[in-house]
Amino acid sequence: QVYLVESGGGLVQAGGSLRLSCTASGRTFNNYAMGWFRQSPGKEREFVSGISWSSGSTNYADSVKGRFTMSRDNAKTTVYLQMNSLKSEDTADYYCALGYVLARVGGSTSPSQYRYWGQGTQVTVSS
């Protein structure tokens, strides 16, 4: 079993920044990917970014490229999502996830390919 705990959400003005954190505990094994997804009311959960735990390879949704950066701290089994130049359309609940599909290249973009999920953290961007 793996447990994921997110933190760092909040209210920010458009153009501002936030950093989300997600710490994993439990039996993660070695070859996995961690991803960030987001979901707003009435919409499906969508991929934001992913990172390979072994190689550090990352991938991003087109909507956040150049604004968001995902990184990892191996010692703390924690991933971060630095979000800059936030827009009102970034408002959503953000979820951290861990999976084993396409792990070496930063994980799958499909939520169904992730086995473990955090409880989510809310991000609100005011315009």
Foldseek 3Di string as FASTA:
>chain_A
DKAKAKDWADEEAAQAKIKMKIFMDDCQDQWKKKFKWWDDPPDDIWTAKMAQRVPRAMDGDPVQPPFWDWGADNVRNMIMIIGGNDDQVVWTWMKMFMARPPRVNGDDGDPVRTDDIYPTDTHGYHD
